[in-house]
């Protein structure tokens, strides 16, 4: 059972993600996210809660080196993909440009 506060926060993140998909630049998937981290292009990383622990720690390490903020998404990889309007799941989402969305400032 998800609390009302957590559900509202998840809806808030989902609406901001949809705005990023429409107006900004992003990449989905582990390989693409790692590439954007290594190139220093990534501004925010969103990791699904069912991402593999070793992969998650590796992503967090690269994010720390590149001074990129990380948000742990409360849903699984299918929920993250659906929030972006895709029919497949993605464990990692890297936001390169937020576009009209204020997701980079609003996500802790």
PDB file of N, CA and C in Angstrom:
ATOM      1  N   UNK A   1       0.833  -1.183   0.000  1.00  0.00           N
ATOM      2  CA  UNK A   1       0.000   0.000   0.000  1.00  0.00           C
ATOM      3  C   UNK A   1       0.880   1.250   0.000  1.00  0.00           C
ATOM      4  N   UNK A   2       0.671   2.086  -0.960  1.00  0.00           N
ATOM      5  CA  UNK A   2       1.449   3.311  -1.103  1.00  0.00           C
ATOM      6  C   UNK A   2       0.695   4.456  -0.434  1.00  0.00           C
ATOM      7  N   UNK A   3       1.401   5.265   0.332  1.00  0.00           N
ATOM      8  CA  UNK A   3       0.762   6.393   1.003  1.00  0.00           C
ATOM      9  C   UNK A   3       0.368   7.466  -0.011  1.00  0.00           C
ATOM     10  N   UNK A   4      -0.542   8.347   0.421  1.00  0.00           N
ATOM     11  CA  UNK A   4      -1.009   9.412  -0.478  1.00  0.00           C
ATOM     12  C   UNK A   4       0.120  10.357  -0.864  1.00  0.00           C
ATOM     13  N   UNK A   5       0.999  10.631   0.097  1.00  0.00           N
ATOM     14  CA  UNK A   5       2.105  11.556  -0.163  1.00  0.00           C
ATOM     15  C   UNK A   5       3.074  10.977  -1.198  1.00  0.00           C
ATOM     16  N   UNK A   6       3.398   9.683  -1.057  1.00  0.00           N
ATOM     17  CA  UNK A   6       4.309   9.036  -2.001  1.00  0.00           C
ATOM     18  C   UNK A   6       3.680   8.945  -3.389  1.00  0.00           C
ATOM     19  N   UNK A   7       2.378   8.671  -3.430  1.00  0.00           N
ATOM     20  CA  UNK A   7       1.689   8.572  -4.708  1.00  0.00           C
ATOM     21  C   UNK A   7       1.665   9.921  -5.421  1.00  0.00           C
ATOM     22  N   UNK A   8       1.429  11.002  -4.659  1.00  0.00           N
ATOM     23  CA  UNK A   8       1.413  12.343  -5.247  1.00  0.00           C
ATOM     24  C   UNK A   8       2.800  12.733  -5.757  1.00  0.00           C
ATOM     25  N   UNK A   9       3.837  12.372  -4.998  1.00  0.00           N
ATOM     26  CA  UNK A   9       5.205  12.670  -5.432  1.00  0.00           C
ATOM     27  C   UNK A   9       5.538  11.916  -6.714  1.00  0.00           C
ATOM     28  N   UNK A  10       5.077  10.662  -6.812  1.00  0.00           N
ATOM     29  CA  UNK A  10       5.348   9.856  -8.012  1.00  0.00           C
ATOM     30  C   UNK A  10       4.632  10.456  -9.223  1.00  0.00           C
ATOM     31  N   UNK A  11       3.379  10.916  -9.025  1.00  0.00           N
ATOM     32  CA  UNK A  11       2.645  11.557 -10.118  1.00  0.00           C
ATOM     33  C   UNK A  11       3.340  12.840 -10.554  1.00  0.00           C
ATOM     34  N   UNK A  12       3.900  13.574  -9.589  1.00  0.00           N
ATOM     35  CA  UNK A  12       4.616  14.807  -9.867  1.00  0.00           C
ATOM     36  C   UNK A  12       5.851  14.525 -10.722  1.00  0.00           C
ATOM     37  N   UNK A  13       6.609  13.492 -10.351  1.00  0.00           N
ATOM     38  CA  UNK A  13       7.792  13.102 -11.119  1.00  0.00           C
ATOM     39  C   UNK A  13       7.380  12.659 -12.519  1.00  0.00           C
ATOM     40  N   UNK A  14       6.303  11.869 -12.611  1.00  0.00           N
ATOM     41  CA  UNK A  14       5.853  11.379 -13.908  1.00  0.00           C
ATOM     42  C   UNK A  14       5.444  12.522 -14.832  1.00  0.00           C
ATOM     43  N   UNK A  15       4.756  13.525 -14.305  1.00  0.00           N
ATOM     44  CA  UNK A  15       4.339  14.649 -15.151  1.00  0.00           C
ATOM     45  C   UNK A  15       5.559  15.443 -15.625  1.00  0.00           C
ATOM     46  N   UNK A  16       6.553  15.586 -14.759  1.00  0.00           N
ATOM     47  CA  UNK A  16       7.771  16.296 -15.171  1.00  0.00           C
ATOM     48  C   UNK A  16       8.557  15.483 -16.186  1.00  0.00           C
ATOM     49  N   UNK A  17       8.559  14.156 -16.033  1.00  0.00           N
ATOM     50  CA  UNK A  17       9.233  13.298 -17.017  1.00  0.00           C
ATOM     51  C   UNK A  17       8.574  13.429 -18.383  1.00  0.00           C
ATOM     52  N   UNK A  18       7.253  13.472 -18.424  1.00  0.00           N
ATOM     53  CA  UNK A  18       6.552  13.614 -19.695  1.00  0.00           C
ATOM     54  C   UNK A  18       6.904  14.933 -20.376  1.00  0.00           C
ATOM     55  N   UNK A  19       7.100  15.971 -19.580  1.00  0.00           N
ATOM     56  CA  UNK A  19       7.486  17.261 -20.138  1.00  0.00           C
ATOM     57  C   UNK A  19       8.906  17.219 -20.700  1.00  0.00           C
ATOM     58  N   UNK A  20       9.796  16.474 -20.022  1.00  0.00           N
ATOM     59  CA  UNK A  20      11.165  16.300 -20.528  1.00  0.00           C
ATOM     60  C   UNK A  20      11.145  15.552 -21.858  1.00  0.00           C
ATOM     61  N   UNK A  21      10.305  14.513 -21.934  1.00  0.00           N
ATOM     62  CA  UNK A  21      10.220  13.711 -23.161  1.00  0.00           C
ATOM     63  C   UNK A  21       9.737  14.582 -24.322  1.00  0.00           C
ATOM     64  N   UNK A  22       8.792  15.483 -24.055  1.00  0.00           N
ATOM     65  CA  UNK A  22       8.254  16.329 -25.119  1.00  0.00           C
ATOM     66  C   UNK A  22       9.212  17.438 -25.537  1.00  0.00           C
ATOM     67  N   UNK A  23       9.890  18.070 -24.565  1.00  0.00           N
ATOM     68  CA  UNK A  23      10.620  19.288 -24.902  1.00  0.00           C
ATOM     69  C   UNK A  23      12.131  19.219 -24.681  1.00  0.00           C
ATOM     70  N   UNK A  24      12.621  18.191 -23.999  1.00  0.00           N
ATOM     71  CA  UNK A  24      14.044  18.137 -23.689  1.00  0.00           C
ATOM     72  C   UNK A  24      14.769  17.024 -24.418  1.00  0.00           C
ATOM     73  N   UNK A  25      15.982  16.745 -23.945  1.00  0.00           N
ATOM     74  CA  UNK A  25      16.783  15.656 -24.505  1.00  0.00           C
ATOM     75  C   UNK A  25      17.085  14.664 -23.397  1.00  0.00           C
ATOM     76  N   UNK A  26      16.958  13.387 -23.705  1.00  0.00           N
ATOM     77  CA  UNK A  26      17.192  12.344 -22.722  1.00  0.00           C
ATOM     78  C   UNK A  26      17.629  11.074 -23.431  1.00  0.00           C
ATOM     79  N   UNK A  27      18.244  10.164 -22.690  1.00  0.00           N
ATOM     80  CA  UNK A  27      18.567   8.844 -23.212  1.00  0.00           C
ATOM     81  C   UNK A  27      18.091   7.813 -22.201  1.00  0.00           C
ATOM     82  N   UNK A  28      17.631   6.692 -22.716  1.00  0.00           N
ATOM     83  CA  UNK A  28      17.151   5.613 -21.863  1.00  0.00           C
ATOM     84  C   UNK A  28      18.078   4.422 -22.005  1.00  0.00           C
ATOM     85  N   UNK A  29      18.272   3.723 -20.897  1.00  0.00           N
ATOM     86  CA  UNK A  29      19.070   2.513 -20.916  1.00  0.00           C
ATOM     87  C   UNK A  29      20.412   2.687 -20.253  1.00  0.00           C
ATOM     88  N   UNK A  30      20.961   1.549 -19.848  1.00  0.00           N
ATOM     89  CA  UNK A  30      22.210   1.549 -19.094  1.00  0.00           C
ATOM     90  C   UNK A  30      23.389   2.036 -19.917  1.00  0.00           C
ATOM     91  N   UNK A  31      23.564   1.470 -21.122  1.00  0.00           N
ATOM     92  CA  UNK A  31      24.728   1.817 -21.951  1.00  0.00           C
ATOM     93  C   UNK A  31      24.726   3.290 -22.350  1.00  0.00           C
ATOM     94  N   UNK A  32      23.575   3.775 -22.768  1.00  0.00           N
ATOM     95  CA  UNK A  32      23.485   5.173 -23.197  1.00  0.00           C
ATOM     96  C   UNK A  32      23.692   6.120 -22.023  1.00  0.00           C
ATOM     97  N   UNK A  33      23.171   5.754 -20.858  1.00  0.00           N
ATOM     98  CA  UNK A  33      23.347   6.597 -19.672  1.00  0.00           C
ATOM     99  C   UNK A  33      24.811   6.643 -19.251  1.00  0.00           C
ATOM    100  N   UNK A  34      25.491   5.507 -19.309  1.00  0.00           N
ATOM    101  CA  UNK A  34      26.913   5.477 -18.957  1.00  0.00           C
ATOM    102  C   UNK A  34      27.728   6.314 -19.931  1.00  0.00           C
ATOM    103  N   UNK A  35      27.364   6.267 -21.200  1.00  0.00           N
ATOM    104  CA  UNK A  35      28.068   7.052 -22.209  1.00  0.00           C
ATOM    105  C   UNK A  35      27.875   8.546 -21.960  1.00  0.00           C
ATOM    106  N   UNK A  36      26.647   8.947 -21.637  1.00  0.00           N
ATOM    107  CA  UNK A  36      26.398  10.368 -21.374  1.00  0.00           C
ATOM    108  C   UNK A  36      27.096  10.824 -20.090  1.00  0.00           C
ATOM    109  N   UNK A  37      27.235   9.922 -19.118  1.00  0.00           N
ATOM    110  CA  UNK A  37      27.972  10.252 -17.894  1.00  0.00           C
ATOM    111  C   UNK A  37      29.455  10.443 -18.189  1.00  0.00           C
ATOM    112  N   UNK A  38      30.025   9.530 -18.971  1.00  0.00           N
ATOM    113  CA  UNK A  38      31.451   9.621 -19.289  1.00  0.00           C
ATOM    114  C   UNK A  38      31.768  10.865 -20.093  1.00  0.00           C
ATOM    115  N   UNK A  39      30.846  11.283 -20.961  1.00  0.00           N
ATOM    116  CA  UNK A  39      31.058  12.487 -21.768  1.00  0.00           C
ATOM    117  C   UNK A  39      30.728  13.760 -20.993  1.00  0.00           C
ATOM    118  N   UNK A  40      30.122  13.622 -19.814  1.00  0.00           N
ATOM    119  CA  UNK A  40      29.786  14.779 -18.996  1.00  0.00           C
ATOM    120  C   UNK A  40      28.556  15.528 -19.472  1.00  0.00           C
ATOM    121  N   UNK A  41      27.717  14.894 -20.247  1.00  0.00           N
ATOM    122  CA  UNK A  41      26.528  15.561 -20.784  1.00  0.00           C
ATOM    123  C   UNK A  41      25.321  15.448 -19.859  1.00  0.00           C
ATOM    124  N   UNK A  42      25.301  14.469 -19.010  1.00  0.00           N
ATOM    125  CA  UNK A  42      24.128  14.178 -18.188  1.00  0.00           C
ATOM    126  C   UNK A  42      23.965  15.195 -17.060  1.00  0.00           C
ATOM    127  N   UNK A  43      22.708  15.632 -16.836  1.00  0.00           N
ATOM    128  CA  UNK A  43      22.401  16.565 -15.753  1.00  0.00           C
ATOM    129  C   UNK A  43      21.717  15.859 -14.583  1.00  0.00           C
ATOM    130  N   UNK A  44      20.932  14.828 -14.872  1.00  0.00           N
ATOM    131  CA  UNK A  44      20.202  14.099 -13.846  1.00  0.00           C
ATOM    132  C   UNK A  44      20.041  12.653 -14.286  1.00  0.00           C
ATOM    133  N   UNK A  45      20.236  11.736 -13.349  1.00  0.00           N
ATOM    134  CA  UNK A  45      20.027  10.314 -13.601  1.00  0.00           C
ATOM    135  C   UNK A  45      18.843   9.842 -12.786  1.00  0.00           C
ATOM    136  N   UNK A  46      17.977   9.063 -13.403  1.00  0.00           N
ATOM    137  CA  UNK A  46      16.859   8.472 -12.687  1.00  0.00           C
ATOM    138  C   UNK A  46      17.018   6.960 -12.790  1.00  0.00           C
ATOM    139  N   UNK A  47      17.080   6.290 -11.636  1.00  0.00           N
ATOM    140  CA  UNK A  47      17.309   4.846 -11.577  1.00  0.00           C
ATOM    141  C   UNK A  47      16.067   4.178 -11.016  1.00  0.00           C
ATOM    142  N   UNK A  48      15.573   3.138 -11.680  1.00  0.00           N
ATOM    143  CA  UNK A  48      14.409   2.388 -11.205  1.00  0.00           C
ATOM    144  C   UNK A  48      14.777   1.589  -9.960  1.00  0.00           C
ATOM    145  N   UNK A  49      13.749   1.245  -9.171  1.00  0.00           N
ATOM    146  CA  UNK A  49      14.039   0.571  -7.911  1.00  0.00           C
ATOM    147  C   UNK A  49      14.434  -0.894  -8.084  1.00  0.00           C
ATOM    148  N   UNK A  50      14.181  -1.483  -9.245  1.00  0.00           N
ATOM    149  CA  UNK A  50      14.584  -2.876  -9.442  1.00  0.00           C
ATOM    150  C   UNK A  50      15.823  -3.016 -10.326  1.00  0.00           C
ATOM    151  N   UNK A  51      16.607  -1.961 -10.409  1.00  0.00           N
ATOM    152  CA  UNK A  51      17.887  -2.024 -11.112  1.00  0.00           C
ATOM    153  C   UNK A  51      18.843  -2.924 -10.330  1.00  0.00           C
ATOM    154  N   UNK A  52      19.650  -3.667 -11.028  1.00  0.00           N
ATOM    155  CA  UNK A  52      20.563  -4.596 -10.357  1.00  0.00           C
ATOM    156  C   UNK A  52      21.520  -3.836  -9.440  1.00  0.00           C
ATOM    157  N   UNK A  53      21.794  -4.384  -8.236  1.00  0.00           N
ATOM    158  CA  UNK A  53      22.612  -3.657  -7.248  1.00  0.00           C
ATOM    159  C   UNK A  53      24.007  -3.286  -7.739  1.00  0.00           C
ATOM    160  N   UNK A  54      24.681  -4.188  -8.432  1.00  0.00           N
ATOM    161  CA  UNK A  54      26.017  -3.890  -8.929  1.00  0.00           C
ATOM    162  C   UNK A  54      25.973  -2.784  -9.978  1.00  0.00           C
ATOM    163  N   UNK A  55      25.001  -2.865 -10.869  1.00  0.00           N
ATOM    164  CA  UNK A  55      24.831  -1.858 -11.908  1.00  0.00           C
ATOM    165  C   UNK A  55      24.471  -0.507 -11.282  1.00  0.00           C
ATOM    166  N   UNK A  56      23.612  -0.524 -10.261  1.00  0.00           N
ATOM    167  CA  UNK A  56      23.215   0.701  -9.580  1.00  0.00           C
ATOM    168  C   UNK A  56      24.407   1.374  -8.906  1.00  0.00           C
ATOM    169  N   UNK A  57      25.235   0.585  -8.244  1.00  0.00           N
ATOM    170  CA  UNK A  57      26.398   1.166  -7.569  1.00  0.00           C
ATOM    171  C   UNK A  57      27.405   1.711  -8.576  1.00  0.00           C
ATOM    172  N   UNK A  58      27.545   1.050  -9.719  1.00  0.00           N
ATOM    173  CA  UNK A  58      28.445   1.539 -10.762  1.00  0.00           C
ATOM    174  C   UNK A  58      27.949   2.870 -11.334  1.00  0.00           C
ATOM    175  N   UNK A  59      26.654   2.967 -11.562  1.00  0.00           N
ATOM    176  CA  UNK A  59      26.058   4.203 -12.074  1.00  0.00           C
ATOM    177  C   UNK A  59      26.238   5.332 -11.068  1.00  0.00           C
ATOM    178  N   UNK A  60      26.001   5.028  -9.790  1.00  0.00           N
ATOM    179  CA  UNK A  60      26.147   6.052  -8.753  1.00  0.00           C
ATOM    180  C   UNK A  60      27.593   6.514  -8.630  1.00  0.00           C
ATOM    181  N   UNK A  61      28.544   5.592  -8.821  1.00  0.00           N
ATOM    182  CA  UNK A  61      29.953   5.952  -8.755  1.00  0.00           C
ATOM    183  C   UNK A  61      30.329   6.901  -9.890  1.00  0.00           C
ATOM    184  N   UNK A  62      29.908   6.573 -11.112  1.00  0.00           N
ATOM    185  CA  UNK A  62      30.186   7.440 -12.255  1.00  0.00           C
ATOM    186  C   UNK A  62      29.493   8.788 -12.095  1.00  0.00           C
ATOM    187  N   UNK A  63      28.287   8.786 -11.527  1.00  0.00           N
ATOM    188  CA  UNK A  63      27.555  10.030 -11.307  1.00  0.00           C
ATOM    189  C   UNK A  63      28.284  10.910 -10.294  1.00  0.00           C
ATOM    190  N   UNK A  64      28.862  10.280  -9.268  1.00  0.00           N
ATOM    191  CA  UNK A  64      29.610  11.036  -8.276  1.00  0.00           C
ATOM    192  C   UNK A  64      30.849  11.661  -8.915  1.00  0.00           C
ATOM    193  N   UNK A  65      31.525  10.930  -9.778  1.00  0.00           N
ATOM    194  CA  UNK A  65      32.713  11.458 -10.440  1.00  0.00           C
ATOM    195  C   UNK A  65      32.382  12.623 -11.372  1.00  0.00           C
ATOM    196  N   UNK A  66      31.238  12.538 -12.037  1.00  0.00           N
ATOM    197  CA  UNK A  66      30.866  13.592 -12.975  1.00  0.00           C
ATOM    198  C   UNK A  66      29.986  14.670 -12.343  1.00  0.00           C
ATOM    199  N   UNK A  67      29.785  14.585 -11.018  1.00  0.00           N
ATOM    200  CA  UNK A  67      28.986  15.564 -10.266  1.00  0.00           C
ATOM    201  C   UNK A  67      27.572  15.694 -10.828  1.00  0.00           C
ATOM    202  N   UNK A  68      26.957  14.555 -11.121  1.00  0.00           N
ATOM    203  CA  UNK A  68      25.590  14.494 -11.618  1.00  0.00           C
ATOM    204  C   UNK A  68      24.680  14.019 -10.499  1.00  0.00           C
ATOM    205  N   UNK A  69      23.531  14.639 -10.364  1.00  0.00           N
ATOM    206  CA  UNK A  69      22.614  14.214  -9.309  1.00  0.00           C
ATOM    207  C   UNK A  69      21.865  12.954  -9.736  1.00  0.00           C
ATOM    208  N   UNK A  70      21.509  12.146  -8.727  1.00  0.00           N
ATOM    209  CA  UNK A  70      20.850  10.861  -8.959  1.00  0.00           C
ATOM    210  C   UNK A  70      19.530  10.849  -8.209  1.00  0.00           C
ATOM    211  N   UNK A  71      18.481  10.406  -8.873  1.00  0.00           N
ATOM    212  CA  UNK A  71      17.183  10.232  -8.222  1.00  0.00           C
ATOM    213  C   UNK A  71      16.793   8.762  -8.323  1.00  0.00           C
ATOM    214  N   UNK A  72      16.410   8.171  -7.194  1.00  0.00           N
ATOM    215  CA  UNK A  72      15.952   6.782  -7.173  1.00  0.00           C
ATOM    216  C   UNK A  72      14.440   6.781  -7.360  1.00  0.00           C
ATOM    217  N   UNK A  73      14.017   6.313  -8.527  1.00  0.00           N
ATOM    218  CA  UNK A  73      12.602   6.273  -8.889  1.00  0.00           C
ATOM    219  C   UNK A  73      11.905   5.214  -8.048  1.00  0.00           C
ATOM    220  N   UNK A  74      10.724   5.529  -7.546  1.00  0.00           N
ATOM    221  CA  UNK A  74      10.051   4.605  -6.636  1.00  0.00           C
ATOM    222  C   UNK A  74       9.371   3.441  -7.356  1.00  0.00           C
ATOM    223  N   UNK A  75       9.205   3.518  -8.664  1.00  0.00           N
ATOM    224  CA  UNK A  75       8.611   2.422  -9.425  1.00  0.00           C
ATOM    225  C   UNK A  75       9.673   1.543 -10.046  1.00  0.00           C
ATOM    226  N   UNK A  76       9.233   0.453 -10.670  1.00  0.00           N
ATOM    227  CA  UNK A  76      10.189  -0.450 -11.316  1.00  0.00           C
ATOM    228  C   UNK A  76      10.502   0.039 -12.736  1.00  0.00           C
ATOM    229  N   UNK A  77      11.276  -0.757 -13.473  1.00  0.00           N
ATOM    230  CA  UNK A  77      11.731  -0.318 -14.792  1.00  0.00           C
ATOM    231  C   UNK A  77      10.584  -0.184 -15.799  1.00  0.00           C
ATOM    232  N   UNK A  78       9.548  -0.988 -15.662  1.00  0.00           N
ATOM    233  CA  UNK A  78       8.401  -0.878 -16.564  1.00  0.00           C
ATOM    234  C   UNK A  78       7.648   0.429 -16.286  1.00  0.00           C
ATOM    235  N   UNK A  79       7.518   0.784 -15.005  1.00  0.00           N
ATOM    236  CA  UNK A  79       6.861   2.047 -14.650  1.00  0.00           C
ATOM    237  C   UNK A  79       7.646   3.246 -15.178  1.00  0.00           C
ATOM    238  N   UNK A  80       8.968   3.170 -15.100  1.00  0.00           N
ATOM    239  CA  UNK A  80       9.810   4.261 -15.596  1.00  0.00           C
ATOM    240  C   UNK A  80       9.672   4.408 -17.107  1.00  0.00           C
ATOM    241  N   UNK A  81       9.649   3.294 -17.822  1.00  0.00           N
ATOM    242  CA  UNK A  81       9.452   3.346 -19.271  1.00  0.00           C
ATOM    243  C   UNK A  81       8.085   3.885 -19.646  1.00  0.00           C
ATOM    244  N   UNK A  82       7.061   3.469 -18.898  1.00  0.00           N
ATOM    245  CA  UNK A  82       5.702   3.938 -19.156  1.00  0.00           C
ATOM    246  C   UNK A  82       5.567   5.428 -18.871  1.00  0.00           C
ATOM    247  N   UNK A  83       6.248   5.917 -17.836  1.00  0.00           N
ATOM    248  CA  UNK A  83       6.207   7.341 -17.515  1.00  0.00           C
ATOM    249  C   UNK A  83       6.805   8.183 -18.640  1.00  0.00           C
ATOM    250  N   UNK A  84       7.714   7.594 -19.406  1.00  0.00           N
ATOM    251  CA  UNK A  84       8.328   8.294 -20.538  1.00  0.00           C
ATOM    252  C   UNK A  84       7.551   8.081 -21.831  1.00  0.00           C
ATOM    253  N   UNK A  85       6.467   7.328 -21.773  1.00  0.00           N
ATOM    254  CA  UNK A  85       5.649   7.106 -22.954  1.00  0.00           C
ATOM    255  C   UNK A  85       6.126   5.976 -23.832  1.00  0.00           C
ATOM    256  N   UNK A  86       6.946   5.094 -23.311  1.00  0.00           N
ATOM    257  CA  UNK A  86       7.451   3.955 -24.077  1.00  0.00           C
ATOM    258  C   UNK A  86       6.715   2.686 -23.656  1.00  0.00           C
ATOM    259  N   UNK A  87       6.722   1.691 -24.522  1.00  0.00           N
ATOM    260  CA  UNK A  87       6.045   0.429 -24.205  1.00  0.00           C
ATOM    261  C   UNK A  87       7.010  -0.610 -23.643  1.00  0.00           C
ATOM    262  N   UNK A  88       8.222  -0.199 -23.371  1.00  0.00           N
ATOM    263  CA  UNK A  88       9.217  -1.108 -22.805  1.00  0.00           C
ATOM    264  C   UNK A  88       9.795  -0.481 -21.538  1.00  0.00           C
ATOM    265  N   UNK A  89      10.457  -1.295 -20.768  1.00  0.00           N
ATOM    266  CA  UNK A  89      11.040  -0.817 -19.524  1.00  0.00           C
ATOM    267  C   UNK A  89      12.456  -0.311 -19.724  1.00  0.00           C
ATOM    268  N   UNK A  90      12.877   0.537 -18.827  1.00  0.00           N
ATOM    269  CA  UNK A  90      14.250   1.039 -18.823  1.00  0.00           C
ATOM    270  C   UNK A  90      14.656   1.245 -17.375  1.00  0.00           C
ATOM    271  N   UNK A  91      15.763   0.638 -16.976  1.00  0.00           N
ATOM    272  CA  UNK A  91      16.208   0.741 -15.590  1.00  0.00           C
ATOM    273  C   UNK A  91      16.852   2.088 -15.301  1.00  0.00           C
ATOM    274  N   UNK A  92      17.402   2.738 -16.326  1.00  0.00           N
ATOM    275  CA  UNK A  92      18.105   4.012 -16.118  1.00  0.00           C
ATOM    276  C   UNK A  92      17.642   5.016 -17.175  1.00  0.00           C
ATOM    277  N   UNK A  93      17.455   6.253 -16.727  1.00  0.00           N
ATOM    278  CA  UNK A  93      17.108   7.349 -17.619  1.00  0.00           C
ATOM    279  C   UNK A  93      18.059   8.494 -17.325  1.00  0.00           C
ATOM    280  N   UNK A  94      18.704   9.004 -18.349  1.00  0.00           N
ATOM    281  CA  UNK A  94      19.641  10.100 -18.192  1.00  0.00           C
ATOM    282  C   UNK A  94      19.073  11.327 -18.891  1.00  0.00           C
ATOM    283  N   UNK A  95      18.887  12.405 -18.143  1.00  0.00           N
ATOM    284  CA  UNK A  95      18.362  13.638 -18.705  1.00  0.00           C
ATOM    285  C   UNK A  95      19.541  14.533 -19.082  1.00  0.00           C
ATOM    286  N   UNK A  96      19.609  14.878 -20.366  1.00  0.00           N
ATOM    287  CA  UNK A  96      20.701  15.698 -20.884  1.00  0.00           C
ATOM    288  C   UNK A  96      20.293  17.172 -20.875  1.00  0.00           C
ATOM    289  N   UNK A  97      19.098  17.467 -21.377  1.00  0.00           N
ATOM    290  CA  UNK A  97      18.537  18.816 -21.315  1.00  0.00           C
ATOM    291  C   UNK A  97      17.099  18.702 -20.835  1.00  0.00           C
ATOM    292  N   UNK A  98      16.732  19.505 -19.846  1.00  0.00           N
ATOM    293  CA  UNK A  98      15.400  19.401 -19.252  1.00  0.00           C
ATOM    294  C   UNK A  98      14.317  20.030 -20.124  1.00  0.00           C
ATOM    295  N   UNK A  99      14.674  20.907 -21.014  1.00  0.00           N
ATOM    296  CA  UNK A  99      13.662  21.564 -21.838  1.00  0.00           C
ATOM    297  C   UNK A  99      12.821  22.506 -20.997  1.00  0.00           C
ATOM    298  N   UNK A 100      11.494  22.419 -21.097  1.00  0.00           N
ATOM    299  CA  UNK A 100      10.580  23.292 -20.356  1.00  0.00           C
ATOM    300  C   UNK A 100      10.351  22.822 -18.926  1.00  0.00           C
ATOM    301  N   UNK A 101      10.802  21.621 -18.605  1.00  0.00           N
ATOM    302  CA  UNK A 101      10.557  21.051 -17.283  1.00  0.00           C
ATOM    303  C   UNK A 101      11.538  21.604 -16.247  1.00  0.00           C
ATOM    304  N   UNK A 102      11.097  21.624 -14.991  1.00  0.00           N
ATOM    305  CA  UNK A 102      11.968  22.053 -13.892  1.00  0.00           C
ATOM    306  C   UNK A 102      12.404  20.858 -13.051  1.00  0.00           C
ATOM    307  N   UNK A 103      12.532  19.702 -13.675  1.00  0.00           N
ATOM    308  CA  UNK A 103      12.819  18.455 -12.963  1.00  0.00           C
ATOM    309  C   UNK A 103      14.193  18.470 -12.301  1.00  0.00           C
ATOM    310  N   UNK A 104      15.161  19.135 -12.884  1.00  0.00           N
ATOM    311  CA  UNK A 104      16.516  19.137 -12.325  1.00  0.00           C
ATOM    312  C   UNK A 104      16.555  19.909 -11.012  1.00  0.00           C
ATOM    313  N   UNK A 105      15.822  21.019 -10.946  1.00  0.00           N
ATOM    314  CA  UNK A 105      15.778  21.801  -9.701  1.00  0.00           C
ATOM    315  C   UNK A 105      14.872  21.161  -8.655  1.00  0.00           C
ATOM    316  N   UNK A 106      13.790  20.529  -9.086  1.00  0.00           N
ATOM    317  CA  UNK A 106      12.779  20.058  -8.137  1.00  0.00           C
ATOM    318  C   UNK A 106      13.081  18.701  -7.526  1.00  0.00           C
ATOM    319  N   UNK A 107      13.780  17.830  -8.247  1.00  0.00           N
ATOM    320  CA  UNK A 107      14.077  16.495  -7.726  1.00  0.00           C
ATOM    321  C   UNK A 107      15.283  16.589  -6.800  1.00  0.00           C
ATOM    322  N   UNK A 108      15.141  16.081  -5.556  1.00  0.00           N
ATOM    323  CA  UNK A 108      16.263  16.181  -4.605  1.00  0.00           C
ATOM    324  C   UNK A 108      17.426  15.316  -4.997  1.00  0.00           C
TER     325      UNK A 108
END
